[in-house]
C-alpha cells in the first residue's frame, strides 16, 4: 500500500484550525482536514498541569509530504510548541484511498 498518513495538530481557536486546514488543502498537501471540537486537553506545560479547550485537526496526506505539512503547520500555528504527530494509514477502502491519491499533489520524482 502507498504511504498515506494522518497528521494531527490542535489549536486553541477554531479559526486557527480552519486557516491551517484551508492552506493545506489549497496547497494539495492534504486531501482533507477534519476539524473536531471543542475537545478538552490536559497536559503538563512548563512544570504545571494545564487544562485547555482545543480544536483537533486530522490531516490526510502522503508520507512523503510530511516535512512540507509540518513546515506549513508550524508557519501558521500560534503555539510555541504545536502538536504535530503523524501515524501511518495501514488500511483503507479502495475508493477512499483512490480519492485521497487524486486530491494530493503528485509525489516528487527524483
C-alpha atoms as a PDB file:
ATOM      1  CA  UNK A   1       0.000   0.000   0.000  1.00  0.00           C
ATOM      2  CA  UNK A   2       1.083   3.571  -0.645  1.00  0.00           C
ATOM      3  CA  UNK A   3       2.426   5.573   2.262  1.00  0.00           C
ATOM      4  CA  UNK A   4      -0.604   7.545   3.380  1.00  0.00           C
ATOM      5  CA  UNK A   5      -0.533   9.235   6.789  1.00  0.00           C
ATOM      6  CA  UNK A   6      -2.841  11.065   9.149  1.00  0.00           C
ATOM      7  CA  UNK A   7      -1.217  14.049  10.840  1.00  0.00           C
ATOM      8  CA  UNK A   8      -2.775  15.582  13.944  1.00  0.00           C
ATOM      9  CA  UNK A   9      -2.450  19.013  15.444  1.00  0.00           C
ATOM     10  CA  UNK A  10      -4.543  21.001  17.914  1.00  0.00           C
ATOM     11  CA  UNK A  11      -5.319  24.705  18.121  1.00  0.00           C
ATOM     12  CA  UNK A  12      -6.872  26.951  20.725  1.00  0.00           C
ATOM     13  CA  UNK A  13      -9.219  28.667  18.260  1.00  0.00           C
ATOM     14  CA  UNK A  14     -11.436  27.179  15.573  1.00  0.00           C
ATOM     15  CA  UNK A  15     -10.368  29.977  13.223  1.00  0.00           C
ATOM     16  CA  UNK A  16      -6.728  28.847  13.504  1.00  0.00           C
ATOM     17  CA  UNK A  17      -7.727  25.251  12.739  1.00  0.00           C
ATOM     18  CA  UNK A  18      -9.713  26.384   9.696  1.00  0.00           C
ATOM     19  CA  UNK A  19      -6.850  28.574   8.428  1.00  0.00           C
ATOM     20  CA  UNK A  20      -4.383  25.663   8.708  1.00  0.00           C
ATOM     21  CA  UNK A  21      -6.845  23.247   7.072  1.00  0.00           C
ATOM     22  CA  UNK A  22      -7.657  25.534   4.153  1.00  0.00           C
ATOM     23  CA  UNK A  23      -3.980  26.286   3.493  1.00  0.00           C
ATOM     24  CA  UNK A  24      -3.005  22.589   3.450  1.00  0.00           C
ATOM     25  CA  UNK A  25      -5.881  21.594   1.157  1.00  0.00           C
ATOM     26  CA  UNK A  26      -5.283  24.540  -1.210  1.00  0.00           C
ATOM     27  CA  UNK A  27      -1.603  23.552  -1.479  1.00  0.00           C
ATOM     28  CA  UNK A  28      -2.628  19.893  -2.072  1.00  0.00           C
ATOM     29  CA  UNK A  29      -0.520  18.852   0.908  1.00  0.00           C
ATOM     30  CA  UNK A  30      -3.717  17.422   2.406  1.00  0.00           C
ATOM     31  CA  UNK A  31      -6.678  15.891   0.624  1.00  0.00           C
ATOM     32  CA  UNK A  32      -8.916  16.557   3.616  1.00  0.00           C
ATOM     33  CA  UNK A  33      -8.612  18.066   7.081  1.00  0.00           C
ATOM     34  CA  UNK A  34     -11.313  17.216   9.575  1.00  0.00           C
ATOM     35  CA  UNK A  35     -11.761  19.650  12.448  1.00  0.00           C
ATOM     36  CA  UNK A  36     -13.152  18.142  15.649  1.00  0.00           C
ATOM     37  CA  UNK A  37     -14.091  20.015  18.759  1.00  0.00           C
ATOM     38  CA  UNK A  38     -14.082  21.570  21.018  1.00  0.00           C
ATOM     39  CA  UNK A  39     -12.106  18.956  22.942  1.00  0.00           C
ATOM     40  CA  UNK A  40     -10.521  19.164  26.384  1.00  0.00           C
ATOM     41  CA  UNK A  41      -6.760  18.644  26.647  1.00  0.00           C
ATOM     42  CA  UNK A  42      -4.995  18.068  29.964  1.00  0.00           C
ATOM     43  CA  UNK A  43      -1.218  18.252  29.789  1.00  0.00           C
ATOM     44  CA  UNK A  44       1.931  19.302  31.633  1.00  0.00           C
ATOM     45  CA  UNK A  45       3.490  22.536  30.338  1.00  0.00           C
ATOM     46  CA  UNK A  46       6.498  24.244  31.922  1.00  0.00           C
ATOM     47  CA  UNK A  47       6.076  22.289  35.159  1.00  0.00           C
ATOM     48  CA  UNK A  48       2.342  22.873  35.622  1.00  0.00           C
ATOM     49  CA  UNK A  49      -0.668  20.751  34.770  1.00  0.00           C
ATOM     50  CA  UNK A  50      -2.871  22.697  32.368  1.00  0.00           C
ATOM     51  CA  UNK A  51      -6.390  22.218  31.044  1.00  0.00           C
ATOM     52  CA  UNK A  52      -7.401  23.799  27.749  1.00  0.00           C
ATOM     53  CA  UNK A  53     -10.210  23.733  25.233  1.00  0.00           C
ATOM     54  CA  UNK A  54      -8.834  22.952  21.781  1.00  0.00           C
ATOM     55  CA  UNK A  55      -9.789  22.031  18.218  1.00  0.00           C
ATOM     56  CA  UNK A  56      -8.319  18.840  16.748  1.00  0.00           C
ATOM     57  CA  UNK A  57      -7.211  18.757  13.106  1.00  0.00           C
ATOM     58  CA  UNK A  58      -6.986  15.350  11.385  1.00  0.00           C
ATOM     59  CA  UNK A  59      -4.890  15.893   8.261  1.00  0.00           C
ATOM     60  CA  UNK A  60      -4.962  13.243   5.485  1.00  0.00           C
ATOM     61  CA  UNK A  61      -1.771  13.216   3.423  1.00  0.00           C
ATOM     62  CA  UNK A  62       1.119  11.157   1.996  1.00  0.00           C
ATOM     63  CA  UNK A  63       4.180  10.095   3.937  1.00  0.00           C
ATOM     64  CA  UNK A  64       6.483  11.939   1.520  1.00  0.00           C
ATOM     65  CA  UNK A  65       4.537  15.163   2.189  1.00  0.00           C
ATOM     66  CA  UNK A  66       5.177  15.054   5.937  1.00  0.00           C
ATOM     67  CA  UNK A  67       8.037  17.577   6.025  1.00  0.00           C
ATOM     68  CA  UNK A  68       6.092  20.096   3.935  1.00  0.00           C
ATOM     69  CA  UNK A  69       2.960  19.554   6.047  1.00  0.00           C
ATOM     70  CA  UNK A  70       4.955  20.080   9.249  1.00  0.00           C
ATOM     71  CA  UNK A  71       6.577  23.235   7.866  1.00  0.00           C
ATOM     72  CA  UNK A  72       3.207  24.633   6.757  1.00  0.00           C
ATOM     73  CA  UNK A  73       1.558  23.876  10.112  1.00  0.00           C
ATOM     74  CA  UNK A  74       4.463  25.459  12.023  1.00  0.00           C
ATOM     75  CA  UNK A  75       4.318  28.600   9.872  1.00  0.00           C
ATOM     76  CA  UNK A  76       0.579  29.065  10.516  1.00  0.00           C
ATOM     77  CA  UNK A  77       0.323  27.801  14.091  1.00  0.00           C
ATOM     78  CA  UNK A  78       0.216  30.234  17.029  1.00  0.00           C
ATOM     79  CA  UNK A  79       1.520  27.735  19.644  1.00  0.00           C
ATOM     80  CA  UNK A  80       5.147  27.852  20.774  1.00  0.00           C
ATOM     81  CA  UNK A  81       5.324  24.044  20.501  1.00  0.00           C
ATOM     82  CA  UNK A  82       2.391  22.741  18.450  1.00  0.00           C
ATOM     83  CA  UNK A  83       1.454  19.081  18.437  1.00  0.00           C
ATOM     84  CA  UNK A  84       2.377  17.699  15.021  1.00  0.00           C
ATOM     85  CA  UNK A  85       2.190  13.900  15.002  1.00  0.00           C
ATOM     86  CA  UNK A  86       1.881  11.555  12.028  1.00  0.00           C
ATOM     87  CA  UNK A  87       0.604   7.989  12.062  1.00  0.00           C
ATOM     88  CA  UNK A  88       0.577   5.623   9.094  1.00  0.00           C
ATOM     89  CA  UNK A  89      -2.650   4.582   7.414  1.00  0.00           C
ATOM     90  CA  UNK A  90      -2.322   0.810   7.396  1.00  0.00           C
ATOM     91  CA  UNK A  91      -5.578   0.042   5.580  1.00  0.00           C
ATOM     92  CA  UNK A  92      -8.496   1.815   3.971  1.00  0.00           C
ATOM     93  CA  UNK A  93     -11.260   1.369   1.444  1.00  0.00           C
ATOM     94  CA  UNK A  94     -10.068   1.259  -2.148  1.00  0.00           C
ATOM     95  CA  UNK A  95     -12.476   4.040  -3.144  1.00  0.00           C
ATOM     96  CA  UNK A  96     -11.425   6.390  -0.347  1.00  0.00           C
ATOM     97  CA  UNK A  97      -7.702   5.814  -0.887  1.00  0.00           C
ATOM     98  CA  UNK A  98      -8.184   6.364  -4.624  1.00  0.00           C
ATOM     99  CA  UNK A  99      -9.899   9.680  -3.893  1.00  0.00           C
ATOM    100  CA  UNK A 100      -7.118  10.611  -1.444  1.00  0.00           C
ATOM    101  CA  UNK A 101      -4.462   9.831  -4.061  1.00  0.00           C
ATOM    102  CA  UNK A 102      -6.221  12.002  -6.628  1.00  0.00           C
ATOM    103  CA  UNK A 103      -6.554  15.027  -4.340  1.00  0.00           C
ATOM    104  CA  UNK A 104      -2.924  15.195  -3.239  1.00  0.00           C
ATOM    105  CA  UNK A 105      -0.107  16.753  -5.218  1.00  0.00           C
ATOM    106  CA  UNK A 106       1.724  14.142  -7.247  1.00  0.00           C
ATOM    107  CA  UNK A 107       4.768  12.794  -5.417  1.00  0.00           C
ATOM    108  CA  UNK A 108       8.083  14.303  -6.487  1.00  0.00           C
ATOM    109  CA  UNK A 109      10.096  12.051  -8.756  1.00  0.00           C
ATOM    110  CA  UNK A 110      13.814  12.150  -8.136  1.00  0.00           C
END
